[in-house]
Amino acid sequence: MSEVRADTITASDGTSPVTLTKQSAAKAWSIFDQVNSNTIDDSFNISTITDRGTGSIYGNYTNSMSSVNYAVMGASSPVASGSMSATNQNRSTISSADTASRYSMNVYADSSQAMQDEENQQALAHGDLA
């Protein structure tokens, strides 16, 4: 039986992180503020976010997926991370694999079903990288 112990694993160049392919780890995630600053608050494997209009964005991957057959989960909140309270209203968030190089997400206010910008739009992608 073999055992591998390591504190850090790097790519063969000795400095880059190891690329995760054909594994179940998240391949991309992002937190985007579409209200105050129209900026990415934090992310992994997301190069840019394209604001498509009220409540609608594209998340553009730094490293594309191998195909359009991957899963994207989205969530949103009217307040920043760490500020959730019991009085926040629910939102409907629809997200999907748009192309191998980006996901799309739409956010709706539950009461009116109108598209709505949110301060905290989160997305998570699982699948295989190209």
N, C-alpha and C. Protein backbone atom coordinates (compact mmCIF):
# COMPACT_ATOMS: atom_id res chain seq x y z
N MET A 1 0.85 -1.17 0.00
CA MET A 1 0.00 0.00 0.00
C MET A 1 0.89 1.24 0.00
N SER A 2 0.50 2.26 -0.77
CA SER A 2 1.28 3.49 -0.88
C SER A 2 0.63 4.61 -0.09
N GLU A 3 1.43 5.54 0.34
CA GLU A 3 0.94 6.72 1.04
C GLU A 3 1.69 7.92 0.53
N VAL A 4 0.96 8.99 0.24
CA VAL A 4 1.57 10.24 -0.21
C VAL A 4 1.23 11.31 0.81
N ARG A 5 2.25 12.00 1.31
CA ARG A 5 2.05 13.11 2.25
C ARG A 5 2.71 14.34 1.64
N ALA A 6 1.97 15.44 1.62
CA ALA A 6 2.52 16.67 1.04
C ALA A 6 1.85 17.88 1.66
N ASP A 7 2.61 18.95 1.80
CA ASP A 7 2.04 20.21 2.26
C ASP A 7 1.60 21.06 1.07
N THR A 8 2.32 20.96 -0.04
CA THR A 8 2.01 21.73 -1.24
C THR A 8 2.27 20.88 -2.47
N ILE A 9 1.35 20.92 -3.41
CA ILE A 9 1.54 20.25 -4.69
C ILE A 9 1.49 21.32 -5.76
N THR A 10 2.51 21.39 -6.59
CA THR A 10 2.56 22.37 -7.67
C THR A 10 2.67 21.67 -9.01
N ALA A 11 2.40 22.43 -10.06
CA ALA A 11 2.52 21.91 -11.42
C ALA A 11 3.99 21.64 -11.73
N SER A 12 4.25 21.03 -12.86
CA SER A 12 5.61 20.63 -13.21
C SER A 12 6.57 21.81 -13.37
N ASP A 13 6.03 23.05 -13.55
CA ASP A 13 6.93 24.21 -13.64
C ASP A 13 7.45 24.63 -12.26
N GLY A 14 6.90 24.03 -11.20
CA GLY A 14 7.38 24.30 -9.85
C GLY A 14 6.75 25.48 -9.16
N THR A 15 5.92 26.26 -9.84
CA THR A 15 5.31 27.43 -9.21
C THR A 15 3.79 27.49 -9.34
N SER A 16 3.24 27.00 -10.43
CA SER A 16 1.79 27.08 -10.67
C SER A 16 1.05 26.03 -9.86
N PRO A 17 -0.22 26.33 -9.51
CA PRO A 17 -1.01 25.30 -8.84
C PRO A 17 -1.33 24.17 -9.82
N VAL A 18 -1.61 23.02 -9.29
CA VAL A 18 -1.96 21.88 -10.12
C VAL A 18 -3.34 22.13 -10.73
N THR A 19 -3.48 21.85 -12.01
CA THR A 19 -4.75 22.01 -12.70
C THR A 19 -5.64 20.81 -12.40
N LEU A 20 -6.87 21.08 -11.97
CA LEU A 20 -7.81 20.01 -11.68
C LEU A 20 -8.63 19.70 -12.93
N THR A 21 -8.45 18.55 -13.48
CA THR A 21 -9.25 18.09 -14.61
C THR A 21 -9.77 16.70 -14.30
N LYS A 22 -10.93 16.39 -14.85
CA LYS A 22 -11.54 15.07 -14.65
C LYS A 22 -11.71 14.72 -13.18
N GLN A 23 -11.95 15.74 -12.35
CA GLN A 23 -12.19 15.54 -10.93
C GLN A 23 -13.49 16.23 -10.55
N SER A 24 -13.98 15.98 -9.37
CA SER A 24 -15.26 16.52 -8.95
C SER A 24 -15.17 17.86 -8.23
N ALA A 25 -14.00 18.41 -8.07
CA ALA A 25 -13.86 19.71 -7.40
C ALA A 25 -14.49 20.81 -8.25
N ALA A 26 -14.92 21.88 -7.60
CA ALA A 26 -15.48 23.02 -8.34
C ALA A 26 -14.43 23.54 -9.31
N LYS A 27 -14.83 23.82 -10.53
CA LYS A 27 -13.90 24.30 -11.55
C LYS A 27 -13.94 25.83 -11.68
N ALA A 28 -14.98 26.45 -11.13
CA ALA A 28 -15.08 27.91 -11.13
C ALA A 28 -16.11 28.34 -10.11
N TRP A 29 -15.92 29.53 -9.55
CA TRP A 29 -16.93 30.15 -8.69
C TRP A 29 -16.70 31.66 -8.67
N SER A 30 -17.74 32.39 -8.35
CA SER A 30 -17.61 33.85 -8.29
C SER A 30 -18.63 34.45 -7.35
N ILE A 31 -18.28 35.63 -6.84
CA ILE A 31 -19.20 36.49 -6.09
C ILE A 31 -19.12 37.85 -6.76
N PHE A 32 -20.25 38.33 -7.25
CA PHE A 32 -20.29 39.55 -8.07
C PHE A 32 -21.24 40.56 -7.46
N ASP A 33 -20.82 41.83 -7.39
CA ASP A 33 -21.64 42.93 -6.90
C ASP A 33 -22.15 43.72 -8.09
N GLN A 34 -23.41 43.53 -8.45
CA GLN A 34 -23.99 44.23 -9.60
C GLN A 34 -24.64 45.55 -9.20
N VAL A 35 -24.66 45.86 -7.90
CA VAL A 35 -25.35 47.06 -7.42
C VAL A 35 -24.40 48.23 -7.19
N ASN A 36 -23.40 48.05 -6.33
CA ASN A 36 -22.55 49.15 -5.90
C ASN A 36 -21.37 49.43 -6.82
N SER A 37 -20.65 48.37 -7.18
CA SER A 37 -19.38 48.59 -7.87
C SER A 37 -19.27 47.87 -9.21
N ASN A 38 -20.23 46.99 -9.51
CA ASN A 38 -20.18 46.19 -10.74
C ASN A 38 -18.83 45.48 -10.86
N THR A 39 -18.40 44.87 -9.74
CA THR A 39 -17.09 44.22 -9.70
C THR A 39 -17.21 42.80 -9.15
N ILE A 40 -16.17 42.01 -9.44
CA ILE A 40 -16.05 40.68 -8.87
C ILE A 40 -15.45 40.84 -7.47
N ASP A 41 -16.19 40.43 -6.45
CA ASP A 41 -15.69 40.52 -5.08
C ASP A 41 -14.65 39.44 -4.81
N ASP A 42 -14.85 38.26 -5.36
CA ASP A 42 -13.89 37.17 -5.23
C ASP A 42 -14.25 36.12 -6.27
N SER A 43 -13.26 35.32 -6.68
CA SER A 43 -13.55 34.32 -7.71
C SER A 43 -12.42 33.31 -7.84
N PHE A 44 -12.72 32.25 -8.56
CA PHE A 44 -11.75 31.25 -8.98
C PHE A 44 -12.09 30.86 -10.41
N ASN A 45 -11.13 30.94 -11.31
CA ASN A 45 -11.28 30.62 -12.73
C ASN A 45 -12.34 31.49 -13.42
N ILE A 46 -12.51 32.70 -12.97
CA ILE A 46 -13.40 33.66 -13.63
C ILE A 46 -12.54 34.85 -14.05
N SER A 47 -12.49 35.13 -15.36
CA SER A 47 -11.67 36.24 -15.85
C SER A 47 -12.41 37.57 -15.76
N THR A 48 -13.66 37.58 -16.16
CA THR A 48 -14.48 38.80 -16.14
C THR A 48 -15.94 38.42 -15.97
N ILE A 49 -16.74 39.39 -15.55
CA ILE A 49 -18.19 39.26 -15.53
C ILE A 49 -18.73 40.31 -16.49
N THR A 50 -19.62 39.90 -17.38
CA THR A 50 -20.25 40.82 -18.31
C THR A 50 -21.64 41.16 -17.79
N ASP A 51 -21.90 42.44 -17.52
CA ASP A 51 -23.20 42.91 -17.08
C ASP A 51 -24.08 43.02 -18.32
N ARG A 52 -25.10 42.19 -18.43
CA ARG A 52 -25.97 42.16 -19.61
C ARG A 52 -27.20 43.03 -19.45
N GLY A 53 -27.33 43.71 -18.32
CA GLY A 53 -28.51 44.52 -18.06
C GLY A 53 -29.05 44.17 -16.69
N THR A 54 -30.16 44.73 -16.32
CA THR A 54 -30.74 44.53 -15.00
C THR A 54 -30.90 43.04 -14.68
N GLY A 55 -30.22 42.59 -13.62
CA GLY A 55 -30.36 41.24 -13.13
C GLY A 55 -29.76 40.15 -13.99
N SER A 56 -28.97 40.49 -14.98
CA SER A 56 -28.48 39.48 -15.92
C SER A 56 -26.98 39.63 -16.16
N ILE A 57 -26.23 38.52 -16.04
CA ILE A 57 -24.78 38.56 -16.24
C ILE A 57 -24.30 37.34 -17.01
N TYR A 58 -23.11 37.47 -17.58
CA TYR A 58 -22.32 36.34 -18.07
C TYR A 58 -21.09 36.26 -17.18
N GLY A 59 -20.70 35.07 -16.76
CA GLY A 59 -19.43 34.85 -16.08
C GLY A 59 -18.49 34.19 -17.07
N ASN A 60 -17.38 34.84 -17.37
CA ASN A 60 -16.44 34.37 -18.38
C ASN A 60 -15.28 33.64 -17.71
N TYR A 61 -15.05 32.39 -18.13
CA TYR A 61 -14.02 31.56 -17.51
C TYR A 61 -12.62 31.94 -17.98
N THR A 62 -11.67 31.86 -17.09
CA THR A 62 -10.26 31.99 -17.44
C THR A 62 -9.83 30.77 -18.26
N ASN A 63 -10.19 29.59 -17.78
CA ASN A 63 -9.94 28.33 -18.48
C ASN A 63 -11.30 27.71 -18.79
N SER A 64 -11.59 27.49 -20.05
CA SER A 64 -12.89 27.00 -20.49
C SER A 64 -13.17 25.57 -20.04
N MET A 65 -14.43 25.23 -20.04
CA MET A 65 -14.86 23.86 -19.79
C MET A 65 -14.64 23.05 -21.07
N SER A 66 -14.68 21.73 -20.96
CA SER A 66 -14.42 20.87 -22.12
C SER A 66 -15.60 20.85 -23.08
N SER A 67 -16.79 21.18 -22.60
CA SER A 67 -17.99 21.22 -23.44
C SER A 67 -19.04 22.07 -22.73
N VAL A 68 -20.21 22.16 -23.31
CA VAL A 68 -21.30 22.91 -22.68
C VAL A 68 -22.04 22.04 -21.65
N ASN A 69 -21.64 20.79 -21.50
CA ASN A 69 -22.28 19.86 -20.58
C ASN A 69 -21.63 19.89 -19.20
N TYR A 70 -21.93 20.92 -18.43
CA TYR A 70 -21.47 21.07 -17.06
C TYR A 70 -22.57 21.73 -16.25
N ALA A 71 -22.45 21.69 -14.94
CA ALA A 71 -23.49 22.21 -14.06
C ALA A 71 -23.10 23.56 -13.49
N VAL A 72 -24.06 24.48 -13.44
CA VAL A 72 -23.87 25.79 -12.81
C VAL A 72 -24.99 25.99 -11.79
N MET A 73 -24.61 26.38 -10.59
CA MET A 73 -25.58 26.71 -9.55
C MET A 73 -25.43 28.18 -9.22
N GLY A 74 -26.54 28.87 -9.06
CA GLY A 74 -26.49 30.29 -8.74
C GLY A 74 -27.33 30.62 -7.52
N ALA A 75 -26.94 31.68 -6.84
CA ALA A 75 -27.68 32.19 -5.70
C ALA A 75 -27.47 33.69 -5.65
N SER A 76 -28.37 34.39 -4.98
CA SER A 76 -28.21 35.84 -4.90
C SER A 76 -28.83 36.36 -3.61
N SER A 77 -28.37 37.54 -3.23
CA SER A 77 -28.85 38.20 -2.03
C SER A 77 -28.74 39.71 -2.22
N PRO A 78 -29.65 40.47 -1.64
CA PRO A 78 -29.59 41.92 -1.76
C PRO A 78 -28.52 42.56 -0.88
N VAL A 79 -27.82 41.76 -0.07
CA VAL A 79 -26.79 42.29 0.82
C VAL A 79 -25.47 41.57 0.60
N ALA A 80 -24.39 42.19 1.03
CA ALA A 80 -23.05 41.65 0.86
C ALA A 80 -22.85 40.39 1.70
N SER A 81 -21.83 39.61 1.34
CA SER A 81 -21.47 38.42 2.11
C SER A 81 -21.26 38.79 3.57
N GLY A 82 -21.74 37.95 4.48
CA GLY A 82 -21.59 38.20 5.90
C GLY A 82 -22.65 39.13 6.47
N SER A 83 -23.61 39.56 5.65
CA SER A 83 -24.62 40.51 6.12
C SER A 83 -26.04 39.94 6.09
N MET A 84 -26.19 38.64 5.92
CA MET A 84 -27.51 38.03 5.81
C MET A 84 -28.29 38.17 7.11
N SER A 85 -29.56 38.47 7.00
CA SER A 85 -30.43 38.53 8.17
C SER A 85 -31.73 37.81 7.84
N ALA A 86 -32.54 37.58 8.84
CA ALA A 86 -33.80 36.86 8.66
C ALA A 86 -34.81 37.68 7.87
N THR A 87 -34.58 38.97 7.69
CA THR A 87 -35.54 39.81 6.98
C THR A 87 -35.26 39.94 5.49
N ASN A 88 -34.19 39.31 4.98
CA ASN A 88 -33.91 39.39 3.55
C ASN A 88 -35.01 38.70 2.77
N GLN A 89 -35.37 39.29 1.64
CA GLN A 89 -36.39 38.70 0.78
C GLN A 89 -35.77 37.64 -0.11
N ASN A 90 -36.57 36.66 -0.48
CA ASN A 90 -36.09 35.61 -1.36
C ASN A 90 -35.95 36.13 -2.79
N ARG A 91 -35.06 35.50 -3.52
CA ARG A 91 -34.84 35.81 -4.92
C ARG A 91 -34.87 34.52 -5.71
N SER A 92 -35.28 34.59 -6.94
CA SER A 92 -35.18 33.46 -7.86
C SER A 92 -33.94 33.68 -8.70
N THR A 93 -33.05 32.72 -8.72
CA THR A 93 -31.83 32.83 -9.50
C THR A 93 -31.79 31.67 -10.48
N ILE A 94 -31.69 32.00 -11.75
CA ILE A 94 -31.61 30.99 -12.80
C ILE A 94 -30.21 31.07 -13.40
N SER A 95 -29.50 29.96 -13.40
CA SER A 95 -28.15 29.95 -13.97
C SER A 95 -28.01 28.72 -14.86
N SER A 96 -27.16 28.84 -15.86
CA SER A 96 -26.97 27.71 -16.76
C SER A 96 -25.64 27.81 -17.49
N ALA A 97 -25.21 26.67 -18.02
CA ALA A 97 -24.05 26.62 -18.89
C ALA A 97 -24.47 27.25 -20.22
N ASP A 98 -23.88 28.36 -20.56
CA ASP A 98 -24.24 29.07 -21.79
C ASP A 98 -23.38 28.58 -22.95
N THR A 99 -22.06 28.57 -22.74
CA THR A 99 -21.10 28.01 -23.69
C THR A 99 -20.00 27.37 -22.86
N ALA A 100 -19.02 26.76 -23.48
CA ALA A 100 -17.89 26.18 -22.75
C ALA A 100 -17.04 27.26 -22.09
N SER A 101 -17.16 28.50 -22.56
CA SER A 101 -16.31 29.57 -22.03
C SER A 101 -17.04 30.55 -21.12
N ARG A 102 -18.36 30.34 -20.87
CA ARG A 102 -19.07 31.25 -19.97
C ARG A 102 -20.37 30.62 -19.47
N TYR A 103 -20.84 31.11 -18.31
CA TYR A 103 -22.15 30.74 -17.80
C TYR A 103 -23.04 31.98 -17.87
N SER A 104 -24.34 31.78 -17.78
CA SER A 104 -25.25 32.92 -17.71
C SER A 104 -26.10 32.80 -16.45
N MET A 105 -26.51 33.97 -15.93
CA MET A 105 -27.31 33.99 -14.71
C MET A 105 -28.29 35.15 -14.78
N ASN A 106 -29.53 34.88 -14.36
CA ASN A 106 -30.57 35.90 -14.26
C ASN A 106 -31.13 35.87 -12.84
N VAL A 107 -31.41 37.06 -12.28
CA VAL A 107 -31.94 37.18 -10.92
C VAL A 107 -33.28 37.90 -10.98
N TYR A 108 -34.27 37.33 -10.30
CA TYR A 108 -35.62 37.89 -10.26
C TYR A 108 -36.04 38.15 -8.82
N ALA A 109 -36.79 39.23 -8.58
CA ALA A 109 -37.40 39.47 -7.28
C ALA A 109 -38.61 38.55 -7.18
N ASP A 110 -38.72 37.77 -6.10
CA ASP A 110 -39.81 36.80 -6.00
C ASP A 110 -41.18 37.45 -6.01
N SER A 111 -41.32 38.60 -5.41
CA SER A 111 -42.64 39.22 -5.32
C SER A 111 -43.17 39.69 -6.67
N SER A 112 -42.32 40.28 -7.50
CA SER A 112 -42.79 40.83 -8.78
C SER A 112 -42.31 40.02 -9.98
N GLN A 113 -41.35 39.14 -9.79
CA GLN A 113 -40.72 38.37 -10.86
C GLN A 113 -40.05 39.27 -11.90
N ALA A 114 -39.75 40.52 -11.52
CA ALA A 114 -39.00 41.42 -12.39
C ALA A 114 -37.51 41.15 -12.21
N MET A 115 -36.75 41.26 -13.29
CA MET A 115 -35.30 41.11 -13.20
C MET A 115 -34.76 42.18 -12.25
N GLN A 116 -33.74 41.82 -11.46
CA GLN A 116 -33.26 42.73 -10.43
C GLN A 116 -31.77 42.54 -10.18
N ASP A 117 -31.02 43.66 -10.14
CA ASP A 117 -29.60 43.62 -9.76
C ASP A 117 -29.52 43.27 -8.28
N GLU A 118 -28.47 42.54 -7.91
CA GLU A 118 -28.25 42.20 -6.51
C GLU A 118 -26.80 42.48 -6.14
N GLU A 119 -26.59 42.79 -4.87
CA GLU A 119 -25.24 43.08 -4.38
C GLU A 119 -24.39 41.82 -4.28
N ASN A 120 -25.03 40.69 -4.10
CA ASN A 120 -24.30 39.44 -3.89
C ASN A 120 -24.84 38.37 -4.84
N GLN A 121 -24.23 38.24 -6.01
CA GLN A 121 -24.60 37.20 -6.97
C GLN A 121 -23.50 36.15 -6.96
N GLN A 122 -23.87 34.93 -6.66
CA GLN A 122 -22.89 33.86 -6.53
C GLN A 122 -23.15 32.77 -7.55
N ALA A 123 -22.08 32.24 -8.13
CA ALA A 123 -22.20 31.14 -9.08
C ALA A 123 -21.09 30.12 -8.81
N LEU A 124 -21.39 28.87 -9.09
CA LEU A 124 -20.47 27.75 -8.87
C LEU A 124 -20.62 26.79 -10.04
N ALA A 125 -19.51 26.40 -10.66
CA ALA A 125 -19.54 25.51 -11.81
C ALA A 125 -18.79 24.21 -11.53
N HIS A 126 -19.43 23.09 -11.89
CA HIS A 126 -18.81 21.78 -11.79
C HIS A 126 -18.84 21.13 -13.16
N GLY A 127 -17.75 20.53 -13.55
CA GLY A 127 -17.65 19.84 -14.83
C GLY A 127 -16.20 19.58 -15.14
N ASP A 128 -15.89 19.30 -16.39
CA ASP A 128 -14.51 19.03 -16.80
C ASP A 128 -13.94 20.22 -17.54
N LEU A 129 -12.71 20.60 -17.18
CA LEU A 129 -12.02 21.66 -17.90
C LEU A 129 -11.51 21.13 -19.24
N ALA A 130 -11.33 22.04 -20.18
CA ALA A 130 -10.81 21.66 -21.50
C ALA A 130 -9.39 21.18 -21.39
